[in-house]
Protein backbone atom coordinates (compact mmCIF):
# COMPACT_ATOMS: atom_id res chain seq x y z
CA MET A 1 25.26 -60.56 13.05
CA ILE A 2 21.48 -60.10 13.17
CA MET A 3 20.50 -57.25 15.56
CA SER A 4 17.91 -57.85 18.15
CA VAL A 5 14.44 -56.13 17.71
CA PRO A 6 15.09 -53.75 20.62
CA THR A 7 18.46 -52.72 19.18
CA PHE A 8 16.74 -52.12 16.11
CA LEU A 9 14.06 -49.75 17.32
CA GLY A 10 16.35 -48.07 19.78
CA GLN A 11 18.42 -47.26 16.59
CA MET A 12 15.48 -46.26 14.69
CA LEU A 13 14.19 -44.13 17.24
CA PHE A 14 17.13 -42.54 17.42
CA ALA A 15 17.72 -41.82 13.72
CA ASN A 16 13.93 -40.02 13.87
CA LEU A 17 14.73 -38.14 16.84
CA VAL A 18 17.94 -36.43 14.68
CA ARG A 19 16.05 -36.01 11.44
CA TYR A 20 12.98 -34.20 13.14
CA GLY A 21 15.13 -32.26 15.59
CA LEU A 22 16.95 -30.82 12.26
CA LEU A 23 13.87 -30.34 10.64
CA LEU A 24 12.55 -28.22 13.97
CA ALA A 25 15.74 -26.41 14.24
CA TYR A 26 15.42 -25.41 10.58
CA SER A 27 11.68 -24.04 11.09
CA LEU A 28 12.43 -22.55 13.90
CA ILE A 29 15.22 -20.28 12.00
CA VAL A 30 13.08 -19.73 8.79
CA MET A 31 9.34 -18.92 10.87
CA THR A 32 8.63 -16.66 13.28
CA PRO A 33 6.53 -17.59 16.33
CA LEU A 34 3.45 -16.45 14.65
CA GLY A 35 4.29 -18.52 11.47
CA MET A 36 5.24 -15.55 9.34
CA PRO A 37 8.61 -16.30 7.16
CA VAL A 38 11.38 -14.48 8.12
CA ARG A 39 12.28 -11.87 5.22
CA ALA A 40 15.84 -12.88 4.30
CA GLN A 41 18.40 -9.93 4.95
CA ASN A 42 18.23 -8.59 1.35
CA GLN A 43 14.51 -9.65 0.50
CA PRO A 44 12.76 -6.52 -0.75
CA VAL A 45 9.61 -5.62 1.18
CA ARG A 46 6.82 -5.89 -1.76
CA VAL A 47 4.28 -3.28 -1.82
CA ILE A 48 0.97 -2.47 -3.63
CA ALA A 49 -1.60 0.15 -3.06
CA PHE A 50 -5.17 0.41 -4.68
CA GLY A 51 -6.83 3.66 -5.30
CA ALA A 52 -10.16 4.38 -7.11
CA HIS A 53 -8.49 7.07 -9.44
CA PRO A 54 -5.08 7.40 -11.04
CA ASP A 55 -3.60 9.96 -8.12
CA ASP A 56 -5.46 8.79 -5.46
CA CYS A 57 -2.55 6.08 -4.39
CA ASP A 58 -0.31 9.47 -4.79
CA LEU A 59 -2.10 11.30 -2.53
CA GLY A 60 -2.43 8.52 0.26
CA ALA A 61 1.30 6.90 -0.23
CA GLY A 62 3.06 8.71 -2.91
CA GLY A 63 5.68 9.69 0.12
CA VAL A 64 6.35 6.20 1.56
CA ALA A 65 6.27 4.67 -2.01
CA ALA A 66 9.30 7.17 -2.83
CA LYS A 67 11.16 6.07 0.27
CA TYR A 68 10.58 2.19 -0.22
CA ALA A 69 11.95 2.61 -3.66
CA VAL A 70 14.90 4.08 -2.79
CA HIS A 71 15.26 1.81 -0.06
CA GLY A 72 15.35 -1.06 -2.98
CA ASP A 73 11.45 -2.51 -2.48
CA LYS A 74 9.15 -3.13 -4.79
CA VAL A 75 5.99 -0.69 -4.95
CA LYS A 76 2.66 -0.80 -7.58
CA PHE A 77 0.13 1.59 -7.57
CA VAL A 78 -2.90 0.53 -9.15
CA SER A 79 -5.98 2.66 -10.08
CA LEU A 80 -9.12 0.58 -9.84
CA THR A 81 -10.96 3.39 -12.79
CA ASN A 82 -9.28 4.79 -15.60
CA GLY A 83 -10.64 8.22 -14.30
CA ASP A 84 -12.06 8.82 -17.70
CA ALA A 85 -14.99 10.79 -16.02
CA GLY A 86 -12.60 13.60 -13.99
CA HIS A 87 -12.36 16.36 -15.70
CA GLN A 88 -14.73 19.53 -16.60
CA SER A 89 -13.74 19.67 -20.56
CA MET A 90 -12.54 16.26 -21.45
CA GLY A 91 -14.02 12.69 -21.05
CA GLY A 92 -14.03 9.10 -22.32
CA GLU A 93 -11.63 7.26 -24.22
CA GLU A 94 -9.43 10.64 -24.43
CA LEU A 95 -9.79 11.68 -20.98
CA ALA A 96 -8.53 8.05 -19.87
CA LYS A 97 -5.85 7.88 -22.22
CA ARG A 98 -4.40 11.33 -20.80
CA ARG A 99 -5.23 10.13 -16.99
CA ARG A 100 -3.25 6.46 -17.99
CA ALA A 101 -0.37 8.51 -19.15
CA GLU A 102 0.00 10.72 -16.56
CA ALA A 103 0.04 8.02 -13.91
CA GLN A 104 2.73 6.30 -15.79
CA GLU A 105 4.95 9.31 -15.96
CA ALA A 106 4.00 9.40 -12.29
CA GLY A 107 5.38 6.15 -11.41
CA ARG A 108 8.60 6.86 -13.21
CA ARG A 109 9.32 9.81 -11.32
CA ILE A 110 9.57 8.30 -8.21
CA GLY A 111 10.90 4.65 -9.62
CA ILE A 112 7.47 2.52 -9.26
CA GLU A 113 5.33 0.51 -11.53
CA TYR A 114 1.72 2.11 -11.97
CA GLU A 115 -1.14 0.23 -13.44
CA VAL A 116 -4.57 1.70 -14.57
CA LEU A 117 -7.52 -1.13 -15.29
CA ASP A 118 -10.28 -0.18 -17.72
CA ASN A 119 -13.52 0.42 -15.13
CA HIS A 120 -15.34 3.43 -16.22
CA ASP A 121 -14.85 6.43 -13.39
CA GLY A 122 -17.91 6.91 -11.20
CA LYS A 123 -19.42 3.56 -11.85
CA LEU A 124 -17.42 1.10 -10.06
CA LEU A 125 -19.09 -1.09 -8.12
CA PRO A 126 -17.88 -4.12 -5.48
CA THR A 127 -18.97 -6.90 -8.37
CA LEU A 128 -17.30 -10.41 -8.21
CA GLU A 129 -15.44 -9.27 -11.70
CA VAL A 130 -13.94 -6.41 -10.03
CA ARG A 131 -12.67 -8.44 -6.71
CA GLU A 132 -10.93 -11.03 -8.81
CA GLN A 133 -9.21 -8.60 -10.70
CA VAL A 134 -7.95 -7.10 -7.11
CA ILE A 135 -7.43 -10.75 -5.92
CA ARG A 136 -5.12 -11.09 -9.02
CA GLU A 137 -3.22 -8.33 -8.87
CA ILE A 138 -2.32 -9.01 -5.18
CA ARG A 139 -1.31 -12.24 -5.82
CA GLN A 140 0.46 -11.51 -8.94
CA TRP A 141 2.66 -8.75 -6.99
CA LYS A 142 3.21 -11.47 -4.40
CA ALA A 143 2.48 -8.51 -1.77
CA ASP A 144 3.64 -8.36 1.65
CA ILE A 145 1.64 -4.92 2.71
CA VAL A 146 -1.66 -3.93 0.71
CA ILE A 147 -2.93 -0.57 1.05
CA ALA A 148 -6.59 0.61 0.33
CA PRO A 149 -8.71 3.55 1.19
CA ARG A 150 -11.42 2.72 4.12
CA PRO A 151 -15.28 2.00 3.14
CA ASN A 152 -16.52 5.28 4.39
CA ASP A 153 -15.81 8.46 2.15
CA TYR A 154 -17.48 11.15 0.45
CA HIS A 155 -17.04 9.28 -2.86
CA PRO A 156 -18.78 6.10 -4.32
CA ASP A 157 -15.67 4.87 -6.14
CA HIS A 158 -13.45 5.20 -3.08
CA ARG A 159 -15.61 3.66 -0.66
CA TYR A 160 -16.48 0.35 -3.27
CA THR A 161 -12.56 0.72 -3.50
CA GLY A 162 -12.69 0.12 0.20
CA VAL A 163 -14.78 -2.71 -0.11
CA LEU A 164 -13.35 -4.86 -2.58
CA LEU A 165 -10.14 -4.76 -0.79
CA GLN A 166 -11.84 -5.92 2.47
CA ASP A 167 -13.40 -8.49 0.15
CA ALA A 168 -10.02 -9.97 -1.29
CA SER A 169 -8.44 -9.64 2.19
CA TYR A 170 -8.70 -13.24 2.65
CA MET A 171 -9.72 -14.95 -0.60
CA VAL A 172 -5.84 -13.85 -1.85
CA ILE A 173 -5.19 -17.03 0.21
CA VAL A 174 -7.73 -19.52 -1.27
CA PRO A 175 -6.71 -21.74 -4.03
CA ASP A 176 -10.21 -22.64 -5.24
CA LEU A 177 -10.79 -19.33 -6.16
CA VAL A 178 -9.25 -17.26 -9.08
CA THR A 179 -7.62 -20.64 -10.02
CA ASP A 180 -5.70 -18.87 -13.09
CA THR A 181 -3.45 -16.97 -10.61
CA PRO A 182 -1.40 -18.81 -7.89
CA PRO A 183 -2.86 -18.15 -4.06
CA LEU A 184 -0.69 -16.87 -1.58
CA LYS A 185 0.91 -18.83 0.77
CA ARG A 186 0.17 -16.36 3.50
CA ASN A 187 -2.06 -13.40 3.78
CA PRO A 188 -0.40 -9.74 3.58
CA VAL A 189 -0.79 -7.10 6.10
CA PHE A 190 -3.63 -4.51 4.79
CA ILE A 191 -3.82 -1.39 5.69
CA TYR A 192 -5.70 2.11 5.22
CA TYR A 193 -4.71 5.42 4.27
CA SER A 194 -5.34 8.49 6.47
CA ASP A 195 -8.43 10.23 6.09
CA ARG A 196 -10.84 13.12 7.45
CA PHE A 197 -14.00 10.91 7.84
CA THR A 198 -15.17 10.24 11.41
CA ARG A 199 -18.29 8.31 10.72
CA PRO A 200 -19.14 5.24 11.50
CA GLN A 201 -15.33 5.64 13.37
CA PRO A 202 -12.76 7.71 12.82
CA PHE A 203 -9.06 7.03 11.10
CA ARG A 204 -6.87 5.38 13.73
CA ALA A 205 -2.96 6.23 13.13
CA ASP A 206 -1.09 2.92 13.93
CA ILE A 207 2.03 4.04 11.48
CA VAL A 208 3.09 7.13 10.99
CA VAL A 209 5.82 7.49 8.98
CA SER A 210 7.65 10.59 8.22
CA ILE A 211 7.90 12.00 4.32
CA ASP A 212 10.20 14.93 5.06
CA ASP A 213 12.98 13.27 3.30
CA ALA A 214 10.60 12.21 0.01
CA PHE A 215 8.12 15.45 -0.03
CA GLU A 216 10.00 16.74 -2.75
CA LYS A 217 9.52 13.28 -4.80
CA LYS A 218 6.15 13.27 -3.88
CA ILE A 219 5.46 16.83 -5.36
CA ASN A 220 7.10 15.67 -8.49
CA MET A 221 4.74 12.51 -8.30
CA LEU A 222 1.25 14.57 -8.10
CA ASP A 223 3.18 17.30 -10.31
CA ALA A 224 2.48 14.79 -13.29
CA HIS A 225 -1.07 14.58 -12.78
CA VAL A 226 -1.93 17.62 -15.11
CA SER A 227 -4.97 17.26 -15.48
CA GLN A 228 -6.10 16.75 -11.83
CA PHE A 229 -4.11 18.69 -9.94
CA TYR A 230 -4.06 22.12 -12.14
CA GLU A 231 -7.08 21.56 -13.62
CA TRP A 232 -10.28 19.23 -12.28
CA LEU A 233 -9.55 19.74 -8.63
CA PRO A 234 -9.19 23.37 -8.79
CA TRP A 235 -12.13 23.42 -10.96
CA THR A 236 -14.29 21.91 -8.62
CA GLU A 237 -13.11 24.46 -5.73
CA GLY A 238 -13.54 27.46 -7.76
CA GLN A 239 -9.68 28.17 -7.33
CA PHE A 240 -9.18 27.24 -11.23
CA GLU A 241 -7.97 31.01 -12.43
CA GLN A 242 -5.71 30.88 -9.39
CA VAL A 243 -3.45 28.34 -10.47
CA PRO A 244 0.21 29.59 -12.06
CA ARG A 245 0.75 29.20 -15.41
CA ASP A 246 4.32 28.75 -15.51
CA PRO A 247 5.65 25.54 -14.23
CA ALA A 248 7.70 25.88 -11.76
CA GLU A 249 5.48 28.03 -9.66
CA ARG A 250 2.61 26.15 -10.13
CA LYS A 251 4.59 23.25 -8.53
CA LYS A 252 5.03 25.31 -5.56
CA TRP A 253 1.26 26.20 -5.10
CA LEU A 254 0.68 22.59 -5.41
CA ALA A 255 3.13 21.86 -2.34
CA ALA A 256 1.63 24.26 -0.48
CA GLY A 257 -1.46 23.11 -0.75
CA PRO A 258 -3.71 21.44 1.64
CA LEU A 259 -3.87 18.16 -0.67
CA ALA A 260 -0.44 17.43 -1.20
CA ALA A 261 0.87 18.42 2.50
CA ARG A 262 -0.65 16.00 4.67
CA LYS A 263 0.17 17.81 7.75
CA LEU A 264 1.06 15.92 11.33
CA GLN A 265 -2.25 15.68 13.13
CA PRO A 266 -2.53 16.04 16.81
CA GLU A 267 -4.22 12.80 17.25
CA TRP A 268 -1.37 10.85 15.47
CA ARG A 269 1.77 12.18 17.54
CA GLU A 270 1.63 9.57 19.80
CA ALA A 271 2.21 7.05 16.86
CA LEU A 272 4.60 8.84 15.88
CA LYS A 273 6.95 9.39 18.89
CA LYS A 274 6.37 5.61 19.32
CA ARG A 275 8.74 4.54 16.77
CA TYR A 276 11.18 8.28 16.05
CA GLY A 277 11.05 8.97 19.70
CA ALA A 278 12.97 12.32 20.71
CA GLN A 279 13.37 12.93 16.53
CA ALA A 280 9.19 13.16 16.30
CA ASP A 281 9.32 16.47 17.52
CA ARG A 282 11.41 17.48 13.88
CA VAL A 283 9.04 15.53 11.74
CA GLN A 284 7.11 17.99 9.43
CA GLN A 285 5.10 16.12 6.48
CA VAL A 286 3.78 12.89 6.75
CA GLU A 287 2.05 9.47 5.80
CA ALA A 288 -0.29 7.79 8.54
CA PHE A 289 -1.61 4.17 7.94
CA GLU A 290 -4.27 1.96 9.71
CA ILE A 291 -3.75 -1.87 10.23
CA THR A 292 -6.82 -3.15 9.11
CA GLU A 293 -8.53 -6.74 10.76
CA TYR A 294 -9.12 -8.44 8.42
CA GLY A 295 -5.36 -9.15 6.87
CA TYR A 296 -2.07 -10.49 8.96
CA GLN A 297 -1.73 -9.08 12.41
CA PRO A 298 2.15 -7.80 12.57
CA SER A 299 4.23 -7.89 15.51
CA GLU A 300 6.13 -4.32 16.45
CA GLU A 301 9.22 -6.72 15.20
CA GLU A 302 7.35 -7.13 11.80
CA ILE A 303 6.27 -4.09 11.93
CA ARG A 304 9.78 -2.29 11.65
CA LYS A 305 10.76 -4.63 8.83
CA LEU A 306 8.20 -4.22 6.77
CA PHE A 307 8.36 -0.49 7.73
CA PRO A 308 12.22 -0.25 7.21
CA PHE A 309 12.31 4.09 7.78
CA PHE A 310 12.28 4.23 11.95
CA PRO A 311 15.20 4.59 13.80
CA ASP A 312 16.72 2.24 16.17
CA ARG A 313 15.15 1.66 19.01
């Protein structure tokens, strides 16, 4: 039987409506309203943190990293320099080798990856070459969250690490750049570590995470950086003679010091209460982060998925 043209066109239209209706339904299931893919229930969050030196990430996010590791998520710390100038009596390749070993031991202690790049300490610049190193690291890790220092700090290496991460924050999705590593399909969430600097503007605590349950692990991680926390940094502060010689006692000394113990600041309390509610009053040790304006801007629901540590609302 020969089908009439109107009948044929009607059936084609119906078939296409069914087909594209199913595609639309599927897209609504796998995509959020903002276009960010919904993470499967058992898919781990992938976090990469950058520091200028092989202990910087540990100070800013060691507690959160330990919490992610326990949760089954994937964390990598990257030092942009090899730390070959950060000691009062060692230097060069000998110190770089020691600090790389310390960093890898620190990562092993909490169950994360730790990489130290071979750029010189005290000589880091925001060059195209280093920017491409950063882009490769983020792409290879397939990061959901990228953590970095703000680009205002007392140390030029810290400042330029912040600049390098800003410069990379959009380029990680650009296919025609760093073509040896596939680009990300979407921009990660970029966040800053907390700091005390106020010019040109002070740190803003958008996300505050309790690390009371991970503080001991953070101290154990910092303890692996012997050259820094028991030698170099005390020496720069004129406190080298105060460092206990007994390993257990010096770890207690480290835990009580201002570097390791990032106490909750009064201006952070509102952000803490926003997600911990009444439990916020019991929190002692925290790590705080500022969401940058350069990467993906997460909704509150997405923040809670990316930081799976907060109590249910």
